[in-house]
Structure formats: C-alpha cells, structure tokens
C-alpha cells in the first residue's frame, strides 16, 4: 500500500509542475478565455492537463524564423 511518503513523492512534483504551467499560461499572449480554460483543465486534471498543455498548448512563434521566410 501507499504510505504518506510515497504519495508525497508523486504529488509534490505534479503540484510544482502545475504551478509552473499555470504561470506560463498567464504569461502567454493568448486570449483570457483560453487562459481560463487551460487553468481549469490544469486544476481538474493536473498531470493530464500539464501533458496536454505541453503537447497541444499555445506556442510562441519564433520571430527570427518567421522573418526569414518573408525576406527576399
């Protein structure tokens, strides 16, 4: 069975990652509604929500990479 120490080993990293993800969400340039939806997802399903945000969440576009395509 799980003891308190085993649960802490699992919960604490997920909590820290969730807090980091939520701060990244609010620092993004997305609309407020998108930020709220991602934050609710992280609070309801922390581990799965963080994984979803990592794979399908908003991405910052690299302005130098984009500028290379438009310069002639």
N, C-alpha and C. Protein backbone atom coordinates (compact mmCIF):
# COMPACT_ATOMS: atom_id res chain seq x y z
N UNK A 1 0.83 -1.18 0.00
CA UNK A 1 0.00 0.00 0.00
C UNK A 1 0.88 1.25 0.00
N UNK A 2 0.25 2.36 -0.34
CA UNK A 2 0.96 3.62 -0.36
C UNK A 2 1.04 4.21 1.04
N UNK A 3 2.18 4.73 1.36
CA UNK A 3 2.32 5.46 2.62
C UNK A 3 2.31 6.96 2.31
N UNK A 4 2.33 7.77 3.33
CA UNK A 4 2.31 9.21 3.15
C UNK A 4 3.52 9.68 2.35
N UNK A 5 4.67 9.08 2.59
CA UNK A 5 5.89 9.48 1.90
C UNK A 5 5.80 9.16 0.41
N UNK A 6 5.23 8.01 0.07
CA UNK A 6 5.10 7.63 -1.33
C UNK A 6 4.16 8.59 -2.05
N UNK A 7 3.07 8.94 -1.43
CA UNK A 7 2.14 9.90 -2.03
C UNK A 7 2.77 11.26 -2.23
N UNK A 8 3.60 11.69 -1.29
CA UNK A 8 4.27 12.97 -1.41
C UNK A 8 5.26 12.99 -2.57
N UNK A 9 5.90 11.86 -2.80
CA UNK A 9 6.86 11.77 -3.91
C UNK A 9 6.14 11.96 -5.24
N UNK A 10 4.91 11.54 -5.32
CA UNK A 10 4.14 11.66 -6.56
C UNK A 10 3.46 13.03 -6.66
N UNK A 11 2.88 13.51 -5.57
CA UNK A 11 2.06 14.71 -5.60
C UNK A 11 2.89 15.99 -5.69
N UNK A 12 3.96 16.09 -4.97
CA UNK A 12 4.74 17.33 -4.93
C UNK A 12 5.30 17.71 -6.30
N UNK A 13 5.92 16.80 -7.05
CA UNK A 13 6.38 17.21 -8.39
C UNK A 13 5.24 17.62 -9.32
N UNK A 14 4.11 16.92 -9.25
CA UNK A 14 2.97 17.29 -10.09
C UNK A 14 2.45 18.67 -9.71
N UNK A 15 2.40 18.97 -8.42
CA UNK A 15 1.98 20.29 -7.96
C UNK A 15 2.92 21.38 -8.45
N UNK A 16 4.22 21.15 -8.33
CA UNK A 16 5.20 22.15 -8.78
C UNK A 16 5.12 22.37 -10.29
N UNK A 17 4.99 21.30 -11.04
CA UNK A 17 4.87 21.43 -12.50
C UNK A 17 3.58 22.16 -12.86
N UNK A 18 2.50 21.84 -12.16
CA UNK A 18 1.21 22.51 -12.42
C UNK A 18 1.31 24.01 -12.16
N UNK A 19 1.96 24.39 -11.09
CA UNK A 19 2.12 25.82 -10.78
C UNK A 19 2.96 26.51 -11.85
N UNK A 20 4.01 25.84 -12.33
CA UNK A 20 4.85 26.40 -13.38
C UNK A 20 4.05 26.57 -14.67
N UNK A 21 3.24 25.56 -15.01
CA UNK A 21 2.42 25.63 -16.22
C UNK A 21 1.41 26.76 -16.13
N UNK A 22 0.77 26.91 -14.98
CA UNK A 22 -0.22 27.98 -14.83
C UNK A 22 0.45 29.35 -14.98
N UNK A 23 1.63 29.54 -14.45
CA UNK A 23 2.33 30.82 -14.62
C UNK A 23 2.68 31.04 -16.09
N UNK A 24 3.08 29.99 -16.80
CA UNK A 24 3.38 30.11 -18.23
C UNK A 24 2.12 30.44 -19.02
N UNK A 25 0.99 29.88 -18.61
CA UNK A 25 -0.27 30.15 -19.28
C UNK A 25 -0.61 31.64 -19.16
N UNK A 26 -0.49 32.20 -17.97
CA UNK A 26 -0.85 33.60 -17.78
C UNK A 26 0.18 34.56 -18.35
N UNK A 27 1.38 34.09 -18.65
CA UNK A 27 2.38 34.92 -19.31
C UNK A 27 2.24 34.88 -20.82
N UNK A 28 1.43 33.98 -21.35
CA UNK A 28 1.27 33.85 -22.79
C UNK A 28 0.44 35.01 -23.35
N UNK A 29 0.43 35.11 -24.66
CA UNK A 29 -0.30 36.17 -25.36
C UNK A 29 -1.70 35.73 -25.77
N UNK A 30 -2.17 34.61 -25.26
CA UNK A 30 -3.48 34.10 -25.63
C UNK A 30 -4.59 34.95 -25.02
N UNK A 31 -5.80 34.77 -25.54
CA UNK A 31 -6.96 35.49 -25.01
C UNK A 31 -7.27 34.99 -23.61
N UNK A 32 -7.97 35.80 -22.85
CA UNK A 32 -8.30 35.47 -21.47
C UNK A 32 -9.12 34.18 -21.36
N UNK A 33 -10.04 33.98 -22.28
CA UNK A 33 -10.87 32.77 -22.24
C UNK A 33 -10.02 31.51 -22.39
N UNK A 34 -9.03 31.56 -23.25
CA UNK A 34 -8.14 30.41 -23.45
C UNK A 34 -7.32 30.16 -22.19
N UNK A 35 -6.85 31.22 -21.57
CA UNK A 35 -6.08 31.10 -20.33
C UNK A 35 -6.92 30.46 -19.23
N UNK A 36 -8.17 30.90 -19.11
CA UNK A 36 -9.05 30.36 -18.08
C UNK A 36 -9.33 28.88 -18.33
N UNK A 37 -9.61 28.52 -19.57
CA UNK A 37 -9.88 27.12 -19.89
C UNK A 37 -8.68 26.23 -19.59
N UNK A 38 -7.48 26.67 -19.96
CA UNK A 38 -6.29 25.87 -19.65
C UNK A 38 -6.08 25.76 -18.15
N UNK A 39 -6.29 26.84 -17.43
CA UNK A 39 -6.10 26.82 -15.97
C UNK A 39 -7.09 25.87 -15.31
N UNK A 40 -8.35 25.90 -15.74
CA UNK A 40 -9.35 24.98 -15.19
C UNK A 40 -8.95 23.54 -15.48
N UNK A 41 -8.47 23.29 -16.69
CA UNK A 41 -8.02 21.94 -17.04
C UNK A 41 -6.88 21.49 -16.14
N UNK A 42 -5.94 22.37 -15.86
CA UNK A 42 -4.80 22.02 -15.00
C UNK A 42 -5.27 21.73 -13.58
N UNK A 43 -6.23 22.50 -13.07
CA UNK A 43 -6.70 22.28 -11.70
C UNK A 43 -7.54 21.02 -11.58
N UNK A 44 -8.31 20.69 -12.61
CA UNK A 44 -9.16 19.49 -12.54
C UNK A 44 -8.34 18.22 -12.76
N UNK A 45 -7.48 18.24 -13.75
CA UNK A 45 -6.65 17.07 -14.09
C UNK A 45 -5.18 17.49 -14.17
N UNK A 46 -4.50 17.62 -13.04
CA UNK A 46 -3.16 18.20 -13.04
C UNK A 46 -2.15 17.49 -13.96
N UNK A 47 -1.99 16.21 -13.82
CA UNK A 47 -0.96 15.51 -14.60
C UNK A 47 -1.34 15.46 -16.08
N UNK A 48 -2.58 15.10 -16.36
CA UNK A 48 -3.03 15.01 -17.75
C UNK A 48 -3.12 16.41 -18.36
N UNK A 49 -3.58 17.38 -17.59
CA UNK A 49 -3.68 18.76 -18.09
C UNK A 49 -2.33 19.33 -18.46
N UNK A 50 -1.31 19.07 -17.64
CA UNK A 50 0.04 19.55 -17.95
C UNK A 50 0.58 18.89 -19.22
N UNK A 51 0.34 17.60 -19.35
CA UNK A 51 0.78 16.89 -20.56
C UNK A 51 0.07 17.43 -21.80
N UNK A 52 -1.23 17.65 -21.69
CA UNK A 52 -1.98 18.21 -22.82
C UNK A 52 -1.47 19.59 -23.18
N UNK A 53 -1.24 20.43 -22.18
CA UNK A 53 -0.74 21.78 -22.44
C UNK A 53 0.62 21.72 -23.13
N UNK A 54 1.48 20.80 -22.70
CA UNK A 54 2.80 20.68 -23.29
C UNK A 54 2.73 20.31 -24.77
N UNK A 55 1.83 19.38 -25.11
CA UNK A 55 1.76 18.90 -26.48
C UNK A 55 0.87 19.74 -27.39
N UNK A 56 -0.25 20.26 -26.90
CA UNK A 56 -1.17 20.98 -27.78
C UNK A 56 -1.43 22.41 -27.34
N UNK A 57 -0.75 22.88 -26.33
CA UNK A 57 -0.97 24.24 -25.84
C UNK A 57 -0.42 25.28 -26.78
N UNK A 58 -0.65 26.54 -26.44
CA UNK A 58 -0.18 27.63 -27.31
C UNK A 58 1.33 27.66 -27.41
N UNK A 59 1.79 27.94 -28.58
CA UNK A 59 3.24 28.02 -28.85
C UNK A 59 3.61 29.46 -29.19
N UNK A 60 4.77 29.85 -28.76
CA UNK A 60 5.29 31.15 -29.18
C UNK A 60 5.98 30.95 -30.53
N UNK A 61 5.67 31.86 -31.43
CA UNK A 61 6.31 31.78 -32.73
C UNK A 61 7.66 32.46 -32.65
N UNK A 62 8.62 31.87 -33.29
CA UNK A 62 9.97 32.42 -33.32
C UNK A 62 10.01 33.50 -34.39
N UNK A 63 10.13 34.75 -33.98
CA UNK A 63 10.06 35.87 -34.92
C UNK A 63 11.22 35.86 -35.90
N UNK A 64 12.40 35.40 -35.49
CA UNK A 64 13.52 35.36 -36.41
C UNK A 64 13.31 34.29 -37.47
N UNK A 65 12.72 33.19 -37.10
CA UNK A 65 12.44 32.14 -38.06
C UNK A 65 11.38 32.60 -39.05
N UNK A 66 10.35 33.26 -38.58
CA UNK A 66 9.30 33.76 -39.46
C UNK A 66 9.82 34.84 -40.39
N UNK A 67 10.72 35.68 -39.90
CA UNK A 67 11.22 36.76 -40.73
C UNK A 67 12.08 36.24 -41.87
N UNK A 68 12.68 35.07 -41.72
CA UNK A 68 13.48 34.50 -42.79
C UNK A 68 12.62 34.14 -43.99
N UNK A 69 11.40 33.76 -43.76
CA UNK A 69 10.51 33.36 -44.85
C UNK A 69 9.99 34.56 -45.64
N UNK A 70 9.93 35.71 -45.02
CA UNK A 70 9.34 36.87 -45.68
C UNK A 70 10.37 37.79 -46.32
N UNK A 71 11.63 37.61 -46.01
CA UNK A 71 12.67 38.45 -46.62
C UNK A 71 13.03 37.87 -47.97
N UNK A 72 13.22 38.79 -48.92
CA UNK A 72 13.65 38.36 -50.27
C UNK A 72 14.95 39.03 -50.62
